[in-house]
Amino acid sequence: MVKSVQIRISVSEQIDDILDRVAKKLGKNKSMLARELMEQKMYDLDLIQRGLKNIEF
């Protein structure tokens, strides 16, 4: 089972406004959109792939 952890981030008013408008346009919650964007950036930076390679089975 995957454990879910909640975090809190602070963004500028401008970023908050953009997230709000895009989330509404996509029909998503703002927090879900922010999470998806963060996860995608981590993939783009190869951080997730490197982390998965370090997992020992």
Protein backbone atom coordinates (compact mmCIF):
# COMPACT_ATOMS: atom_id res chain seq x y z
CA MET A 1 0.00 0.00 0.00
CA VAL A 2 1.30 3.45 -0.93
CA LYS A 3 1.33 5.95 1.89
CA SER A 4 0.05 9.41 1.05
CA VAL A 5 1.63 12.43 2.71
CA GLN A 6 0.15 15.90 2.70
CA ILE A 7 2.42 18.92 2.24
CA ARG A 8 1.75 22.62 2.16
CA ILE A 9 3.33 25.05 -0.29
CA SER A 10 3.27 28.82 -0.58
CA VAL A 11 3.06 30.54 -3.95
CA SER A 12 2.74 34.14 -5.06
CA GLU A 13 -0.67 35.64 -5.75
CA GLN A 14 0.08 35.58 -9.47
CA ILE A 15 0.85 31.85 -9.46
CA ASP A 16 -2.21 31.17 -7.33
CA ASP A 17 -4.36 33.08 -9.82
CA ILE A 18 -2.92 31.14 -12.76
CA LEU A 19 -3.41 27.81 -10.99
CA ASP A 20 -6.97 28.79 -10.15
CA ARG A 21 -7.85 29.76 -13.73
CA VAL A 22 -6.20 26.72 -15.31
CA ALA A 23 -7.74 24.32 -12.77
CA LYS A 24 -11.21 25.72 -13.46
CA LYS A 25 -10.66 25.43 -17.21
CA LEU A 26 -9.55 21.80 -16.84
CA GLY A 27 -12.27 20.98 -14.30
CA LYS A 28 -9.75 20.00 -11.62
CA ASN A 29 -9.05 21.02 -8.06
CA LYS A 30 -6.26 23.56 -7.78
CA SER A 31 -4.34 21.34 -5.37
CA MET A 32 -4.55 18.37 -7.76
CA LEU A 33 -3.27 20.49 -10.64
CA ALA A 34 -0.36 21.76 -8.53
CA ARG A 35 0.52 18.19 -7.51
CA GLU A 36 0.42 16.97 -11.10
CA LEU A 37 2.64 19.85 -12.23
CA MET A 38 5.14 19.15 -9.45
CA GLU A 39 5.23 15.43 -10.27
CA GLN A 40 5.71 16.16 -13.98
CA LYS A 41 8.60 18.51 -13.24
CA MET A 42 10.21 15.83 -11.07
CA TYR A 43 9.97 13.39 -14.01
CA ASP A 44 11.41 16.04 -16.34
CA LEU A 45 14.37 16.52 -13.99
CA ASP A 46 14.85 12.74 -13.80
CA LEU A 47 14.45 12.87 -10.00
CA ILE A 48 11.78 10.18 -9.80
CA GLN A 49 13.64 7.79 -12.11
CA ARG A 50 16.85 8.16 -10.05
CA GLY A 51 14.89 7.60 -6.84
CA LEU A 52 13.31 4.42 -8.21
CA LYS A 53 16.73 3.08 -9.26
CA ASN A 54 17.92 3.41 -5.65
CA ILE A 55 15.11 1.26 -4.23
CA GLU A 56 16.36 -2.11 -3.06
CA PHE A 57 14.10 -5.11 -3.39
